[in-house]
């Protein structure tokens, strides 16, 4: 399944990046402090596991973060693993 056409929602009220696929909500919980965004937890419902939703969600979140000139602090295990597999995004990691 392709996820490019599904928009990322920045639900600022609850500090979540959200992606809704087939009626199921996946999210990354974050905290924003200054120009740093702490990515705390990624969650994908069981119905969507193994379909590439988490990777699509992280990539969309990274694009949003880059567009808003923020730096990533990866506290989430999945986000940290994604960064290891995709070192081209290390440009966004806070030092």
N, C-alpha and C. Protein backbone atom coordinates (compact mmCIF):
# COMPACT_ATOMS: atom_id res chain seq x y z
N UNK A 1 0.84 -1.19 0.00
CA UNK A 1 0.00 0.00 0.00
C UNK A 1 0.88 1.24 0.00
N UNK A 2 0.46 2.24 -0.72
CA UNK A 2 1.20 3.50 -0.78
C UNK A 2 0.57 4.51 0.18
N UNK A 3 1.44 5.24 0.88
CA UNK A 3 0.95 6.17 1.91
C UNK A 3 1.23 7.63 1.58
N UNK A 4 1.83 7.88 0.40
CA UNK A 4 2.19 9.26 0.03
C UNK A 4 0.98 10.19 0.03
N UNK A 5 -0.17 9.67 -0.41
CA UNK A 5 -1.34 10.53 -0.55
C UNK A 5 -2.07 10.76 0.77
N UNK A 6 -1.69 10.03 1.82
CA UNK A 6 -2.34 10.21 3.12
C UNK A 6 -1.60 11.32 3.87
N UNK A 7 -2.31 12.37 4.27
CA UNK A 7 -1.63 13.49 4.92
C UNK A 7 -1.23 13.18 6.36
N UNK A 8 -0.09 13.73 6.75
CA UNK A 8 0.34 13.69 8.14
C UNK A 8 -0.42 14.78 8.88
N UNK A 9 -0.93 14.46 10.05
CA UNK A 9 -1.61 15.44 10.88
C UNK A 9 -0.73 15.73 12.09
N UNK A 10 -0.46 17.01 12.33
CA UNK A 10 0.24 17.40 13.54
C UNK A 10 -0.83 17.81 14.54
N UNK A 11 -1.18 16.91 15.43
CA UNK A 11 -2.19 17.17 16.45
C UNK A 11 -1.49 17.81 17.64
N UNK A 12 -1.34 19.13 17.55
CA UNK A 12 -0.57 19.87 18.56
C UNK A 12 -1.19 19.79 19.95
N UNK A 13 -2.50 19.64 20.01
CA UNK A 13 -3.20 19.60 21.30
C UNK A 13 -2.74 18.43 22.16
N UNK A 14 -2.42 17.30 21.51
CA UNK A 14 -1.98 16.13 22.28
C UNK A 14 -0.55 15.72 21.92
N UNK A 15 0.16 16.58 21.21
CA UNK A 15 1.57 16.37 20.87
C UNK A 15 1.79 15.06 20.12
N UNK A 16 1.02 14.87 19.05
CA UNK A 16 1.13 13.66 18.23
C UNK A 16 1.23 14.02 16.76
N UNK A 17 2.11 13.33 16.04
CA UNK A 17 2.03 13.27 14.59
C UNK A 17 1.15 12.05 14.31
N UNK A 18 0.15 12.20 13.46
CA UNK A 18 -0.81 11.13 13.23
C UNK A 18 -0.92 10.79 11.75
N UNK A 19 -1.14 9.51 11.50
CA UNK A 19 -1.40 9.01 10.16
C UNK A 19 -2.56 8.02 10.29
N UNK A 20 -3.66 8.31 9.60
CA UNK A 20 -4.83 7.44 9.67
C UNK A 20 -4.89 6.62 8.38
N UNK A 21 -4.79 5.29 8.54
CA UNK A 21 -4.82 4.36 7.41
C UNK A 21 -5.96 3.38 7.64
N UNK A 22 -6.86 3.31 6.67
CA UNK A 22 -8.01 2.40 6.76
C UNK A 22 -8.77 2.56 8.07
N UNK A 23 -8.90 3.80 8.53
CA UNK A 23 -9.66 4.09 9.74
C UNK A 23 -8.89 3.83 11.03
N UNK A 24 -7.63 3.44 10.93
CA UNK A 24 -6.82 3.17 12.12
C UNK A 24 -5.77 4.27 12.28
N UNK A 25 -5.64 4.78 13.51
CA UNK A 25 -4.73 5.88 13.81
C UNK A 25 -3.39 5.37 14.33
N UNK A 26 -2.33 5.75 13.63
CA UNK A 26 -0.96 5.52 14.09
C UNK A 26 -0.42 6.87 14.52
N UNK A 27 0.54 6.87 15.45
CA UNK A 27 1.03 8.16 15.91
C UNK A 27 2.45 8.09 16.44
N UNK A 28 3.08 9.26 16.46
CA UNK A 28 4.35 9.47 17.16
C UNK A 28 4.07 10.53 18.22
N UNK A 29 4.33 10.18 19.45
CA UNK A 29 4.19 11.10 20.57
C UNK A 29 5.46 11.94 20.63
N UNK A 30 5.32 13.26 20.77
CA UNK A 30 6.50 14.13 20.79
C UNK A 30 6.36 15.23 21.84
N UNK A 31 7.49 15.84 22.14
CA UNK A 31 7.52 17.03 23.00
C UNK A 31 8.42 18.04 22.30
N UNK A 32 7.95 19.26 22.19
CA UNK A 32 8.69 20.33 21.53
C UNK A 32 9.28 21.26 22.58
N UNK A 33 10.60 21.47 22.49
CA UNK A 33 11.29 22.40 23.40
C UNK A 33 12.23 23.23 22.55
N UNK A 34 11.90 24.50 22.38
CA UNK A 34 12.72 25.37 21.54
C UNK A 34 12.74 24.86 20.12
N UNK A 35 13.95 24.64 19.57
CA UNK A 35 14.05 24.14 18.20
C UNK A 35 14.28 22.63 18.17
N UNK A 36 14.10 21.96 19.31
CA UNK A 36 14.28 20.51 19.38
C UNK A 36 12.92 19.83 19.55
N UNK A 37 12.76 18.73 18.82
CA UNK A 37 11.55 17.93 18.95
C UNK A 37 11.97 16.55 19.43
N UNK A 38 11.47 16.19 20.59
CA UNK A 38 11.78 14.91 21.22
C UNK A 38 10.73 13.91 20.77
N UNK A 39 11.15 12.92 20.00
CA UNK A 39 10.24 11.89 19.51
C UNK A 39 10.26 10.76 20.53
N UNK A 40 9.15 10.62 21.25
CA UNK A 40 9.10 9.79 22.46
C UNK A 40 8.65 8.36 22.19
N UNK A 41 7.61 8.21 21.39
CA UNK A 41 7.00 6.88 21.23
C UNK A 41 6.26 6.81 19.90
N UNK A 42 6.44 5.71 19.19
CA UNK A 42 5.70 5.45 17.94
C UNK A 42 4.77 4.28 18.19
N UNK A 43 3.53 4.43 17.74
CA UNK A 43 2.56 3.35 17.93
C UNK A 43 1.74 3.14 16.67
N UNK A 44 1.66 1.87 16.27
CA UNK A 44 0.86 1.46 15.11
C UNK A 44 -0.09 0.38 15.59
N UNK A 45 -1.39 0.49 15.27
CA UNK A 45 -2.32 -0.55 15.71
C UNK A 45 -2.00 -1.91 15.10
N UNK A 46 -2.37 -2.95 15.81
CA UNK A 46 -2.12 -4.33 15.37
C UNK A 46 -2.61 -4.55 13.94
N UNK A 47 -3.74 -3.95 13.58
CA UNK A 47 -4.33 -4.14 12.25
C UNK A 47 -3.40 -3.67 11.13
N UNK A 48 -2.46 -2.77 11.45
CA UNK A 48 -1.58 -2.20 10.42
C UNK A 48 -0.13 -2.68 10.53
N UNK A 49 0.16 -3.52 11.50
CA UNK A 49 1.54 -3.97 11.69
C UNK A 49 2.04 -4.71 10.45
N UNK A 50 3.32 -4.48 10.14
CA UNK A 50 3.95 -5.18 9.03
C UNK A 50 3.60 -4.64 7.65
N UNK A 51 2.93 -3.48 7.60
CA UNK A 51 2.50 -2.91 6.32
C UNK A 51 3.28 -1.65 5.94
N UNK A 52 4.33 -1.34 6.69
CA UNK A 52 5.15 -0.17 6.37
C UNK A 52 4.58 1.14 6.87
N UNK A 53 3.57 1.08 7.71
CA UNK A 53 2.93 2.31 8.20
C UNK A 53 3.87 3.09 9.11
N UNK A 54 4.56 2.41 10.02
CA UNK A 54 5.46 3.11 10.93
C UNK A 54 6.56 3.84 10.15
N UNK A 55 7.14 3.19 9.17
CA UNK A 55 8.19 3.82 8.36
C UNK A 55 7.63 5.04 7.62
N UNK A 56 6.44 4.92 7.06
CA UNK A 56 5.82 6.05 6.35
C UNK A 56 5.54 7.20 7.31
N UNK A 57 5.07 6.87 8.50
CA UNK A 57 4.78 7.88 9.52
C UNK A 57 6.05 8.62 9.92
N UNK A 58 7.12 7.88 10.16
CA UNK A 58 8.39 8.50 10.55
C UNK A 58 8.92 9.38 9.42
N UNK A 59 8.88 8.89 8.19
CA UNK A 59 9.38 9.70 7.07
C UNK A 59 8.57 10.98 6.90
N UNK A 60 7.26 10.90 7.02
CA UNK A 60 6.43 12.10 6.92
C UNK A 60 6.73 13.06 8.06
N UNK A 61 6.93 12.52 9.26
CA UNK A 61 7.26 13.37 10.41
C UNK A 61 8.61 14.05 10.18
N UNK A 62 9.60 13.31 9.67
CA UNK A 62 10.91 13.90 9.40
C UNK A 62 10.81 15.02 8.37
N UNK A 63 10.00 14.83 7.34
CA UNK A 63 9.81 15.90 6.35
C UNK A 63 9.21 17.13 7.00
N UNK A 64 8.21 16.93 7.85
CA UNK A 64 7.59 18.05 8.58
C UNK A 64 8.64 18.75 9.44
N UNK A 65 9.42 17.97 10.17
CA UNK A 65 10.44 18.51 11.07
C UNK A 65 11.46 19.33 10.29
N UNK A 66 11.87 18.82 9.14
CA UNK A 66 12.84 19.55 8.32
C UNK A 66 12.24 20.85 7.79
N UNK A 67 11.00 20.80 7.33
CA UNK A 67 10.33 22.01 6.82
C UNK A 67 10.20 23.09 7.89
N UNK A 68 10.14 22.68 9.15
CA UNK A 68 9.97 23.64 10.25
C UNK A 68 11.28 23.92 10.98
N UNK A 69 12.41 23.56 10.36
CA UNK A 69 13.76 23.83 10.88
C UNK A 69 13.93 23.38 12.34
N UNK A 70 13.44 22.19 12.64
CA UNK A 70 13.59 21.62 13.97
C UNK A 70 14.68 20.55 13.95
N UNK A 71 15.15 20.19 15.13
CA UNK A 71 16.15 19.13 15.27
C UNK A 71 15.56 18.00 16.10
N UNK A 72 15.89 16.77 15.72
CA UNK A 72 15.32 15.57 16.34
C UNK A 72 16.17 15.10 17.52
N UNK A 73 15.47 14.73 18.59
CA UNK A 73 16.06 13.96 19.68
C UNK A 73 15.25 12.67 19.71
N UNK A 74 15.88 11.58 19.31
CA UNK A 74 15.17 10.30 19.16
C UNK A 74 15.18 9.53 20.47
N UNK A 75 14.09 9.60 21.21
CA UNK A 75 13.93 8.83 22.44
C UNK A 75 13.20 7.52 22.15
N UNK A 76 12.50 7.47 21.04
CA UNK A 76 11.74 6.29 20.64
C UNK A 76 12.68 5.27 20.00
N UNK A 77 12.56 4.01 20.43
CA UNK A 77 13.40 2.94 19.91
C UNK A 77 13.20 2.77 18.40
N UNK A 78 11.96 2.85 17.94
CA UNK A 78 11.69 2.67 16.50
C UNK A 78 12.33 3.81 15.70
N UNK A 79 12.18 5.04 16.16
CA UNK A 79 12.76 6.19 15.45
C UNK A 79 14.28 6.06 15.40
N UNK A 80 14.89 5.66 16.51
CA UNK A 80 16.35 5.48 16.54
C UNK A 80 16.78 4.41 15.54
N UNK A 81 16.03 3.31 15.48
CA UNK A 81 16.35 2.24 14.52
C UNK A 81 16.17 2.73 13.08
N UNK A 82 15.14 3.53 12.84
CA UNK A 82 14.89 4.08 11.50
C UNK A 82 16.08 4.96 11.09
N UNK A 83 16.57 5.77 12.01
CA UNK A 83 17.71 6.64 11.71
C UNK A 83 18.95 5.81 11.36
N UNK A 84 19.14 4.68 12.02
CA UNK A 84 20.29 3.81 11.70
C UNK A 84 20.16 3.23 10.30
N UNK A 85 18.92 2.90 9.90
CA UNK A 85 18.69 2.33 8.56
C UNK A 85 18.70 3.40 7.48
N UNK A 86 18.46 4.65 7.85
CA UNK A 86 18.37 5.76 6.89
C UNK A 86 19.26 6.92 7.35
N UNK A 87 20.59 6.75 7.26
CA UNK A 87 21.51 7.77 7.77
C UNK A 87 21.39 9.12 7.07
N UNK A 88 20.72 9.17 5.92
CA UNK A 88 20.54 10.44 5.24
C UNK A 88 19.73 11.44 6.09
N UNK A 89 18.98 10.94 7.06
CA UNK A 89 18.19 11.81 7.94
C UNK A 89 18.99 12.31 9.14
N UNK A 90 20.21 11.84 9.31
CA UNK A 90 21.01 12.27 10.46
C UNK A 90 21.26 13.79 10.46
N UNK A 91 21.05 14.44 9.33
CA UNK A 91 21.19 15.88 9.26
C UNK A 91 20.20 16.59 10.18
N UNK A 92 19.14 15.90 10.57
CA UNK A 92 18.12 16.49 11.44
C UNK A 92 18.34 16.21 12.92
N UNK A 93 19.33 15.38 13.23
CA UNK A 93 19.53 14.97 14.62
C UNK A 93 20.25 16.08 15.38
N UNK A 94 19.72 16.42 16.55
CA UNK A 94 20.33 17.43 17.40
C UNK A 94 21.67 16.91 17.91
N UNK A 95 22.65 17.81 17.95
CA UNK A 95 23.98 17.41 18.44
C UNK A 95 24.29 18.06 19.77
